[in-house]
C-alpha cells in the first residue's frame, strides 16, 4: 500500500467498470477497494456505479487470487473490512488497479521522500504534473501551464 493517494486509480476503475457494463450489459462487476476517493466531475462515475445494480462496491483488501484448474476461473479471497471476515469470489477476470509509482532512478535531480521530483530544482528546471506527485489530466495541464508561465516570466525578465 502506497503512503499517498495516486489521484486517478479510483476514478479510472469506476469509469472502466461503467464502460464494461455498457459493452457487456449482462456482466456482473465487483470492485474491491481499501479507500475510494473521487472528486470533481469524477464523482459522477461513483454515482453511476452506485446506481448500477450489476456493479458492486465492496470495501475490502484482496488477500489472494488463485486459479481453478478445471474451469480456469479465478477465486479472489477478500478481507471484507466492513463485515470483519474473509470472503471468496469466483470470477473469470481480475483487473488490479495499481498506484502511480515514480521512477527517478539515474536522474540527477532532487526528489521527495516518496521518490517524486522535488519542486526545488536548479534554475531553469521546472517539475510539473506527475513528475512531482500523482495528478489527473486536468490538474496536470493546469500545473504545466503554471510552470510555463513562470518560465516565460523569468525569460522575459532576463531580456
C-alpha atoms as a PDB file:
ATOM      1  CA  UNK A   1       0.000   0.000   0.000  1.00  0.00           C
ATOM      2  CA  UNK A   2       1.425   3.383  -1.009  1.00  0.00           C
ATOM      3  CA  UNK A   3       1.756   6.165   1.578  1.00  0.00           C
ATOM      4  CA  UNK A   4      -0.042   8.593  -0.753  1.00  0.00           C
ATOM      5  CA  UNK A   5      -3.123   8.698  -2.976  1.00  0.00           C
ATOM      6  CA  UNK A   6      -2.396   8.272  -6.690  1.00  0.00           C
ATOM      7  CA  UNK A   7      -5.345  10.551  -7.512  1.00  0.00           C
ATOM      8  CA  UNK A   8      -6.534   8.690 -10.613  1.00  0.00           C
ATOM      9  CA  UNK A   9      -6.880   4.964  -9.807  1.00  0.00           C
ATOM     10  CA  UNK A  10     -10.352   5.096  -8.256  1.00  0.00           C
ATOM     11  CA  UNK A  11     -11.833   7.273 -10.988  1.00  0.00           C
ATOM     12  CA  UNK A  12     -10.271   5.124 -13.712  1.00  0.00           C
ATOM     13  CA  UNK A  13     -11.582   1.937 -12.078  1.00  0.00           C
ATOM     14  CA  UNK A  14     -15.128   3.312 -11.855  1.00  0.00           C
ATOM     15  CA  UNK A  15     -15.005   4.609 -15.430  1.00  0.00           C
ATOM     16  CA  UNK A  16     -13.740   1.265 -16.750  1.00  0.00           C
ATOM     17  CA  UNK A  17     -16.436  -0.633 -14.846  1.00  0.00           C
ATOM     18  CA  UNK A  18     -19.112   1.558 -16.429  1.00  0.00           C
ATOM     19  CA  UNK A  19     -17.572   1.119 -19.885  1.00  0.00           C
ATOM     20  CA  UNK A  20     -17.511  -2.671 -19.459  1.00  0.00           C
ATOM     21  CA  UNK A  21     -21.100  -2.637 -18.250  1.00  0.00           C
ATOM     22  CA  UNK A  22     -22.175  -0.656 -21.334  1.00  0.00           C
ATOM     23  CA  UNK A  23     -20.379  -3.021 -23.696  1.00  0.00           C
ATOM     24  CA  UNK A  24     -21.431  -6.195 -21.840  1.00  0.00           C
ATOM     25  CA  UNK A  25     -24.773  -5.392 -20.142  1.00  0.00           C
ATOM     26  CA  UNK A  26     -25.148  -8.894 -18.636  1.00  0.00           C
ATOM     27  CA  UNK A  27     -21.786  -8.745 -16.864  1.00  0.00           C
ATOM     28  CA  UNK A  28     -21.535  -8.613 -13.080  1.00  0.00           C
ATOM     29  CA  UNK A  29     -18.695  -6.473 -11.747  1.00  0.00           C
ATOM     30  CA  UNK A  30     -17.293  -6.393  -8.217  1.00  0.00           C
ATOM     31  CA  UNK A  31     -14.936  -3.593  -7.220  1.00  0.00           C
ATOM     32  CA  UNK A  32     -12.883  -4.241  -4.095  1.00  0.00           C
ATOM     33  CA  UNK A  33     -11.332  -1.144  -2.571  1.00  0.00           C
ATOM     34  CA  UNK A  34      -9.413  -0.062   0.500  1.00  0.00           C
ATOM     35  CA  UNK A  35     -10.196   3.646   0.184  1.00  0.00           C
ATOM     36  CA  UNK A  36     -12.408   5.141  -2.508  1.00  0.00           C
ATOM     37  CA  UNK A  37     -11.509   8.690  -3.469  1.00  0.00           C
ATOM     38  CA  UNK A  38     -13.077  10.617  -6.305  1.00  0.00           C
ATOM     39  CA  UNK A  39     -13.509  14.333  -6.669  1.00  0.00           C
ATOM     40  CA  UNK A  40     -14.849  16.958  -9.007  1.00  0.00           C
ATOM     41  CA  UNK A  41     -16.621  15.757 -12.098  1.00  0.00           C
ATOM     42  CA  UNK A  42     -15.326  12.229 -11.444  1.00  0.00           C
ATOM     43  CA  UNK A  43     -17.914  11.958  -8.668  1.00  0.00           C
ATOM     44  CA  UNK A  44     -20.404  11.320 -11.482  1.00  0.00           C
ATOM     45  CA  UNK A  45     -18.713   7.960 -12.104  1.00  0.00           C
ATOM     46  CA  UNK A  46     -19.251   6.979  -8.467  1.00  0.00           C
ATOM     47  CA  UNK A  47     -22.918   7.990  -8.566  1.00  0.00           C
ATOM     48  CA  UNK A  48     -23.483   5.963 -11.761  1.00  0.00           C
ATOM     49  CA  UNK A  49     -21.703   2.919 -10.301  1.00  0.00           C
ATOM     50  CA  UNK A  50     -23.746   3.107  -7.099  1.00  0.00           C
ATOM     51  CA  UNK A  51     -26.947   3.254  -9.183  1.00  0.00           C
ATOM     52  CA  UNK A  52     -25.942   0.278 -11.362  1.00  0.00           C
ATOM     53  CA  UNK A  53     -27.322  -2.986  -9.946  1.00  0.00           C
ATOM     54  CA  UNK A  54     -24.702  -5.023 -11.845  1.00  0.00           C
ATOM     55  CA  UNK A  55     -21.729  -3.257 -10.244  1.00  0.00           C
ATOM     56  CA  UNK A  56     -20.957  -3.965  -6.604  1.00  0.00           C
ATOM     57  CA  UNK A  57     -18.624  -1.875  -4.429  1.00  0.00           C
ATOM     58  CA  UNK A  58     -17.026  -3.881  -1.618  1.00  0.00           C
ATOM     59  CA  UNK A  59     -14.747  -2.284   0.966  1.00  0.00           C
ATOM     60  CA  UNK A  60     -12.043  -4.858   1.473  1.00  0.00           C
ATOM     61  CA  UNK A  61      -8.494  -5.927   0.716  1.00  0.00           C
ATOM     62  CA  UNK A  62      -7.695  -8.588  -1.859  1.00  0.00           C
ATOM     63  CA  UNK A  63      -5.684 -11.153   0.099  1.00  0.00           C
ATOM     64  CA  UNK A  64      -5.145 -13.838  -2.540  1.00  0.00           C
ATOM     65  CA  UNK A  65      -6.049 -14.762  -6.127  1.00  0.00           C
ATOM     66  CA  UNK A  66      -5.974 -18.408  -7.252  1.00  0.00           C
ATOM     67  CA  UNK A  67      -6.879 -20.169 -10.484  1.00  0.00           C
ATOM     68  CA  UNK A  68      -9.346 -23.058 -10.543  1.00  0.00           C
ATOM     69  CA  UNK A  69      -7.585 -25.567 -12.794  1.00  0.00           C
ATOM     70  CA  UNK A  70     -10.764 -27.211 -14.166  1.00  0.00           C
ATOM     71  CA  UNK A  71     -12.548 -24.011 -15.243  1.00  0.00           C
ATOM     72  CA  UNK A  72      -9.613 -21.577 -15.470  1.00  0.00           C
ATOM     73  CA  UNK A  73     -11.776 -19.155 -13.474  1.00  0.00           C
ATOM     74  CA  UNK A  74     -10.219 -17.203 -10.658  1.00  0.00           C
ATOM     75  CA  UNK A  75     -11.051 -17.207  -6.971  1.00  0.00           C
ATOM     76  CA  UNK A  76     -10.443 -13.923  -5.202  1.00  0.00           C
ATOM     77  CA  UNK A  77     -10.081 -14.064  -1.434  1.00  0.00           C
ATOM     78  CA  UNK A  78     -11.078 -10.733   0.075  1.00  0.00           C
ATOM     79  CA  UNK A  79     -10.834  -9.440   3.613  1.00  0.00           C
ATOM     80  CA  UNK A  80     -14.136  -7.561   3.821  1.00  0.00           C
ATOM     81  CA  UNK A  81     -13.304  -4.793   6.270  1.00  0.00           C
ATOM     82  CA  UNK A  82     -16.931  -3.754   6.778  1.00  0.00           C
ATOM     83  CA  UNK A  83     -18.045  -7.240   7.846  1.00  0.00           C
ATOM     84  CA  UNK A  84     -14.785  -8.240   9.532  1.00  0.00           C
ATOM     85  CA  UNK A  85     -14.312 -11.555   7.734  1.00  0.00           C
ATOM     86  CA  UNK A  86     -12.908 -13.136   4.582  1.00  0.00           C
ATOM     87  CA  UNK A  87     -14.984 -13.927   1.514  1.00  0.00           C
ATOM     88  CA  UNK A  88     -14.211 -15.852  -1.653  1.00  0.00           C
ATOM     89  CA  UNK A  89     -15.482 -14.691  -5.042  1.00  0.00           C
ATOM     90  CA  UNK A  90     -15.263 -16.736  -8.217  1.00  0.00           C
ATOM     91  CA  UNK A  91     -14.804 -14.750 -11.405  1.00  0.00           C
ATOM     92  CA  UNK A  92     -13.496 -15.082 -14.935  1.00  0.00           C
ATOM     93  CA  UNK A  93     -11.353 -11.931 -14.902  1.00  0.00           C
ATOM     94  CA  UNK A  94      -9.445  -9.864 -12.341  1.00  0.00           C
ATOM     95  CA  UNK A  95      -8.150  -6.373 -13.065  1.00  0.00           C
ATOM     96  CA  UNK A  96      -5.851  -4.790 -10.499  1.00  0.00           C
ATOM     97  CA  UNK A  97      -5.658  -1.006 -10.258  1.00  0.00           C
ATOM     98  CA  UNK A  98      -2.163  -0.021  -9.252  1.00  0.00           C
ATOM     99  CA  UNK A  99      -0.986   3.287  -7.881  1.00  0.00           C
ATOM    100  CA  UNK A 100       1.413   5.685  -9.553  1.00  0.00           C
ATOM    101  CA  UNK A 101       4.986   4.975  -8.502  1.00  0.00           C
ATOM    102  CA  UNK A 102       7.807   7.326  -9.539  1.00  0.00           C
ATOM    103  CA  UNK A 103      10.890   6.132 -11.367  1.00  0.00           C
ATOM    104  CA  UNK A 104      13.615   8.714 -10.996  1.00  0.00           C
ATOM    105  CA  UNK A 105      16.499   6.246 -10.969  1.00  0.00           C
ATOM    106  CA  UNK A 106      19.552   7.751 -12.596  1.00  0.00           C
ATOM    107  CA  UNK A 107      18.083  11.250 -12.848  1.00  0.00           C
ATOM    108  CA  UNK A 108      20.419  13.740 -11.124  1.00  0.00           C
ATOM    109  CA  UNK A 109      17.599  15.875  -9.694  1.00  0.00           C
ATOM    110  CA  UNK A 110      16.232  16.493  -6.203  1.00  0.00           C
ATOM    111  CA  UNK A 111      13.477  14.101  -5.127  1.00  0.00           C
ATOM    112  CA  UNK A 112      10.892  13.941  -2.356  1.00  0.00           C
ATOM    113  CA  UNK A 113      10.678  11.239   0.308  1.00  0.00           C
ATOM    114  CA  UNK A 114       8.154   9.386  -1.901  1.00  0.00           C
ATOM    115  CA  UNK A 115      10.605   9.461  -4.831  1.00  0.00           C
ATOM    116  CA  UNK A 116       8.877  12.080  -6.977  1.00  0.00           C
ATOM    117  CA  UNK A 117      10.810  15.057  -8.324  1.00  0.00           C
ATOM    118  CA  UNK A 118      11.061  17.925  -5.869  1.00  0.00           C
ATOM    119  CA  UNK A 119       9.772  21.339  -6.928  1.00  0.00           C
ATOM    120  CA  UNK A 120      13.110  22.794  -5.800  1.00  0.00           C
ATOM    121  CA  UNK A 121      15.478  22.212  -8.691  1.00  0.00           C
ATOM    122  CA  UNK A 122      18.302  24.143 -10.353  1.00  0.00           C
ATOM    123  CA  UNK A 123      17.349  27.348 -12.132  1.00  0.00           C
ATOM    124  CA  UNK A 124      15.587  26.655 -15.408  1.00  0.00           C
ATOM    125  CA  UNK A 125      14.259  23.234 -14.393  1.00  0.00           C
ATOM    126  CA  UNK A 126      10.552  23.068 -13.641  1.00  0.00           C
ATOM    127  CA  UNK A 127       8.960  19.986 -12.154  1.00  0.00           C
ATOM    128  CA  UNK A 128       5.350  19.541 -13.264  1.00  0.00           C
ATOM    129  CA  UNK A 129       2.363  17.219 -13.065  1.00  0.00           C
ATOM    130  CA  UNK A 130       3.023  13.547 -12.302  1.00  0.00           C
ATOM    131  CA  UNK A 131       6.735  14.270 -12.140  1.00  0.00           C
ATOM    132  CA  UNK A 132       6.190  15.853  -8.729  1.00  0.00           C
ATOM    133  CA  UNK A 133       3.106  13.984  -7.488  1.00  0.00           C
ATOM    134  CA  UNK A 134       0.207  11.912  -8.849  1.00  0.00           C
ATOM    135  CA  UNK A 135      -2.349  14.089 -10.664  1.00  0.00           C
ATOM    136  CA  UNK A 136      -5.263  13.675 -13.013  1.00  0.00           C
ATOM    137  CA  UNK A 137      -5.092  15.102 -16.545  1.00  0.00           C
ATOM    138  CA  UNK A 138      -6.906  18.332 -15.727  1.00  0.00           C
ATOM    139  CA  UNK A 139      -4.636  19.093 -12.764  1.00  0.00           C
ATOM    140  CA  UNK A 140      -1.568  18.150 -14.814  1.00  0.00           C
ATOM    141  CA  UNK A 141      -2.498  20.597 -17.582  1.00  0.00           C
ATOM    142  CA  UNK A 142      -3.075  23.408 -15.070  1.00  0.00           C
ATOM    143  CA  UNK A 143       0.221  22.650 -13.332  1.00  0.00           C
ATOM    144  CA  UNK A 144       2.162  22.562 -16.611  1.00  0.00           C
ATOM    145  CA  UNK A 145       0.554  25.848 -17.706  1.00  0.00           C
ATOM    146  CA  UNK A 146       1.588  27.495 -14.435  1.00  0.00           C
ATOM    147  CA  UNK A 147       5.170  26.262 -14.871  1.00  0.00           C
ATOM    148  CA  UNK A 148       5.248  27.533 -18.460  1.00  0.00           C
ATOM    149  CA  UNK A 149       4.069  30.954 -17.271  1.00  0.00           C
ATOM    150  CA  UNK A 150       6.814  31.018 -14.624  1.00  0.00           C
ATOM    151  CA  UNK A 151       9.405  30.170 -17.270  1.00  0.00           C
ATOM    152  CA  UNK A 152       8.076  32.904 -19.571  1.00  0.00           C
ATOM    153  CA  UNK A 153       8.217  35.471 -16.759  1.00  0.00           C
ATOM    154  CA  UNK A 154      11.798  34.580 -15.877  1.00  0.00           C
ATOM    155  CA  UNK A 155      12.875  34.598 -19.526  1.00  0.00           C
ATOM    156  CA  UNK A 156      11.140  37.943 -20.069  1.00  0.00           C
ATOM    157  CA  UNK A 157      12.919  39.488 -17.035  1.00  0.00           C
ATOM    158  CA  UNK A 158      16.306  38.286 -18.320  1.00  0.00           C
ATOM    159  CA  UNK A 159      15.888  40.043 -21.684  1.00  0.00           C
END
